[in-house]
Amino acid sequence: MSNTTSSKSKATTLAKLQALISGLQKQFPNGQFTLGNTVFTTAALVQALQSLIDAINAVTTAQASAKVAVATLRATVAKVGPVVLALQRNLLSMFGNATDTLALFGLEPRKAPAPRTGTEIAAAAAKAEATRKARGTTSKKQKLAVTGNVTGIQVIPITAPTEAAPSAQLATATPTAPPQGTAGK
């Protein structure tokens, strides 16, 4: 018997168990079976198989209920979550560093950012310079110094073709005789 939890295997397992019960009751209504050093009557086997069917059905029902409960939880969190965050921010701004008052709400005051060391500041400046160099960005003054190198513009007029022009093009585009020496191949 498989212990996977997919609905297909549950349905298959349930069908097989029902068939076993039906077959036992039809073929061996008063039979006895020795299975693994234990003697079972048909009624005891049917009862054991039915308990397995009931357990599988209970799990299926519980899983369906759990899916509904999780969906309800997600919808509630989506609706109430932003309200909770806004309330926490409001309380933090109202009471600032009053740890006793904030503790009543289960909140802690915001931590002040630790001052950066000289090494961290130098590393940040080097990283910013490398990024600027890699991206090719420049300051406003440097951008003003950059100009294009266009020396002139040439305008070529384009006219619409007339009706006679397409027929003239067709006359010149007629195929000519193939070159000599290729006709026999």
Protein backbone atom coordinates (compact mmCIF):
# COMPACT_ATOMS: atom_id res chain seq x y z
CA MET A 1 0.00 0.00 0.00
CA SER A 2 1.35 3.42 -0.90
CA ASN A 3 1.82 6.11 1.70
CA THR A 4 1.79 9.06 -0.69
CA THR A 5 -0.77 11.77 -0.12
CA SER A 6 -1.86 12.73 -3.61
CA SER A 7 -5.59 12.67 -4.23
CA LYS A 8 -5.18 10.21 -7.09
CA SER A 9 -3.43 7.63 -4.94
CA LYS A 10 -5.97 8.15 -2.13
CA ALA A 11 -8.82 7.53 -4.51
CA THR A 12 -7.07 4.47 -5.93
CA THR A 13 -6.32 3.16 -2.45
CA LEU A 14 -9.90 3.68 -1.35
CA ALA A 15 -11.20 1.85 -4.41
CA LYS A 16 -8.83 -1.08 -3.82
CA LEU A 17 -9.81 -1.31 -0.15
CA GLN A 18 -13.51 -1.28 -1.04
CA ALA A 19 -12.90 -4.03 -3.61
CA LEU A 20 -11.06 -6.12 -0.99
CA ILE A 21 -13.94 -5.77 1.46
CA SER A 22 -16.49 -6.64 -1.22
CA GLY A 23 -14.50 -9.65 -2.41
CA LEU A 24 -13.95 -10.98 1.12
CA GLN A 25 -17.64 -10.69 1.98
CA LYS A 26 -18.72 -12.44 -1.24
CA GLN A 27 -16.12 -15.23 -1.47
CA PHE A 28 -15.32 -15.88 2.19
CA PRO A 29 -18.26 -14.73 4.33
CA ASN A 30 -17.21 -17.04 7.23
CA GLY A 31 -13.56 -17.60 6.33
CA GLN A 32 -10.38 -17.52 8.39
CA PHE A 33 -6.95 -16.33 7.25
CA THR A 34 -3.54 -16.74 8.86
CA LEU A 35 -1.55 -13.65 8.04
CA GLY A 36 1.86 -13.28 9.62
CA ASN A 37 1.30 -15.78 12.48
CA THR A 38 -2.06 -14.18 13.32
CA VAL A 39 -5.44 -15.68 12.56
CA PHE A 40 -8.04 -13.26 11.17
CA THR A 41 -11.69 -13.88 10.46
CA THR A 42 -13.38 -12.24 7.51
CA ALA A 43 -15.27 -9.93 9.88
CA ALA A 44 -12.00 -8.85 11.59
CA LEU A 45 -10.34 -8.17 8.22
CA VAL A 46 -13.34 -6.19 7.01
CA GLN A 47 -13.28 -4.17 10.23
CA ALA A 48 -9.53 -3.45 9.87
CA LEU A 49 -9.91 -2.43 6.22
CA GLN A 50 -12.90 -0.22 7.05
CA SER A 51 -10.90 1.52 9.81
CA LEU A 52 -8.19 2.31 7.23
CA ILE A 53 -10.82 3.72 4.85
CA ASP A 54 -12.22 5.87 7.68
CA ALA A 55 -8.73 7.16 8.55
CA ILE A 56 -8.02 8.11 4.90
CA ASN A 57 -11.35 9.93 4.68
CA ALA A 58 -10.63 11.78 7.94
CA VAL A 59 -7.25 12.92 6.61
CA THR A 60 -8.83 14.14 3.37
CA THR A 61 -11.45 16.11 5.33
CA ALA A 62 -8.81 17.58 7.64
CA GLN A 63 -6.63 18.61 4.68
CA ALA A 64 -9.56 20.34 3.03
CA SER A 65 -10.35 22.16 6.28
CA ALA A 66 -6.69 23.14 6.65
CA LYS A 67 -6.64 24.59 3.12
CA VAL A 68 -9.71 26.69 3.93
CA ALA A 69 -8.16 27.84 7.22
CA VAL A 70 -4.87 28.80 5.52
CA ALA A 71 -6.72 30.73 2.81
CA THR A 72 -8.72 32.56 5.50
CA LEU A 73 -5.52 33.36 7.41
CA ARG A 74 -3.80 34.74 4.31
CA ALA A 75 -6.78 36.93 3.45
CA THR A 76 -6.94 38.26 7.02
CA VAL A 77 -3.19 38.96 7.12
CA ALA A 78 -3.43 40.82 3.81
CA LYS A 79 -6.25 42.96 5.19
CA VAL A 80 -5.08 43.54 8.78
CA GLY A 81 -1.28 43.35 8.36
CA PRO A 82 -0.85 46.91 7.02
CA VAL A 83 -3.05 48.23 9.83
CA VAL A 84 -0.85 46.53 12.45
CA LEU A 85 2.33 47.94 10.89
CA ALA A 86 0.84 51.44 10.76
CA LEU A 87 -0.23 51.19 14.41
CA GLN A 88 3.25 50.05 15.46
CA ARG A 89 4.88 52.93 13.57
CA ASN A 90 2.44 55.38 15.11
CA LEU A 91 3.14 54.12 18.64
CA LEU A 92 6.90 54.25 18.03
CA SER A 93 6.65 57.84 16.86
CA MET A 94 4.35 58.81 19.76
CA PHE A 95 6.45 57.33 22.56
CA GLY A 96 9.92 57.53 20.98
CA ASN A 97 12.41 56.13 23.49
CA ALA A 98 10.00 55.58 26.41
CA THR A 99 10.89 51.93 26.87
CA ASP A 100 8.40 51.32 29.71
CA THR A 101 5.46 52.63 27.69
CA LEU A 102 6.53 50.82 24.52
CA ALA A 103 6.95 47.60 26.52
CA LEU A 104 3.24 47.79 27.39
CA PHE A 105 2.55 47.39 23.65
CA GLY A 106 5.22 44.72 23.19
CA LEU A 107 7.46 47.10 21.24
CA GLU A 108 11.09 48.12 21.59
CA PRO A 109 12.44 51.58 20.72
CA ARG A 110 14.27 51.97 17.45
CA LYS A 111 18.00 51.50 17.62
CA ALA A 112 20.13 54.43 16.59
CA PRO A 113 22.42 53.53 13.69
CA ALA A 114 25.97 52.92 14.79
CA PRO A 115 28.40 55.55 13.53
CA ARG A 116 30.49 54.40 10.58
CA THR A 117 34.18 53.97 11.03
CA GLY A 118 36.77 55.73 8.88
CA THR A 119 37.49 52.46 7.07
CA GLU A 120 33.80 51.99 6.20
CA ILE A 121 33.54 55.56 4.90
CA ALA A 122 36.67 55.15 2.76
CA ALA A 123 35.40 51.82 1.40
CA ALA A 124 32.04 53.38 0.49
CA ALA A 125 33.76 56.27 -1.33
CA ALA A 126 36.00 53.88 -3.27
CA LYS A 127 33.03 51.75 -4.21
CA ALA A 128 31.04 54.79 -5.39
CA GLU A 129 33.98 55.98 -7.51
CA ALA A 130 34.40 52.53 -9.07
CA THR A 131 30.68 52.34 -9.83
CA ARG A 132 30.73 55.77 -11.46
CA LYS A 133 33.71 54.81 -13.56
CA ALA A 134 32.12 51.51 -14.62
CA ARG A 135 28.85 53.20 -15.60
CA GLY A 136 30.57 56.12 -17.31
CA THR A 137 28.58 58.71 -15.37
CA THR A 138 29.89 62.23 -14.94
CA SER A 139 29.00 65.34 -12.97
CA LYS A 140 26.85 68.17 -14.35
CA LYS A 141 29.86 70.35 -15.17
CA GLN A 142 31.57 67.51 -17.02
CA LYS A 143 28.39 66.79 -18.98
CA LEU A 144 28.22 70.44 -20.13
CA ALA A 145 31.71 70.13 -21.60
CA VAL A 146 30.68 67.18 -23.78
CA THR A 147 29.39 68.19 -27.21
CA GLY A 148 28.62 66.28 -30.37
CA ASN A 149 30.93 66.21 -33.39
CA VAL A 150 28.41 66.78 -36.20
CA THR A 151 30.02 68.86 -38.96
CA GLY A 152 27.08 69.24 -41.31
CA ILE A 153 23.78 67.85 -42.49
CA GLN A 154 23.04 66.66 -46.01
CA VAL A 155 19.40 66.66 -47.10
CA ILE A 156 18.42 64.35 -49.96
CA PRO A 157 14.98 65.05 -51.39
CA ILE A 158 12.80 62.01 -51.98
CA THR A 159 9.99 62.29 -54.51
CA ALA A 160 7.04 60.00 -54.91
CA PRO A 161 7.15 57.82 -58.06
CA THR A 162 4.69 58.61 -60.84
CA GLU A 163 2.38 56.14 -62.59
CA ALA A 164 4.64 55.75 -65.64
CA ALA A 165 7.68 54.92 -63.57
CA PRO A 166 6.58 51.41 -62.50
CA SER A 167 5.93 50.31 -66.09
CA ALA A 168 9.33 51.62 -67.15
CA GLN A 169 10.93 49.62 -64.35
CA LEU A 170 9.07 46.51 -65.50
CA ALA A 171 10.30 46.96 -69.05
CA THR A 172 13.91 47.09 -67.90
CA ALA A 173 13.47 44.15 -65.56
CA THR A 174 12.51 41.62 -68.28
CA PRO A 175 14.72 38.53 -68.27
CA THR A 176 17.40 38.21 -70.87
CA ALA A 177 18.56 35.11 -72.67
CA PRO A 178 20.62 32.76 -70.48
CA PRO A 179 24.37 32.92 -70.95
CA GLN A 180 25.76 30.61 -73.58
CA GLY A 181 26.99 27.25 -72.47
CA THR A 182 24.43 26.78 -69.68
CA ALA A 183 21.40 25.83 -71.81
CA GLY A 184 22.54 22.22 -72.34
CA LYS A 185 22.99 21.39 -68.66
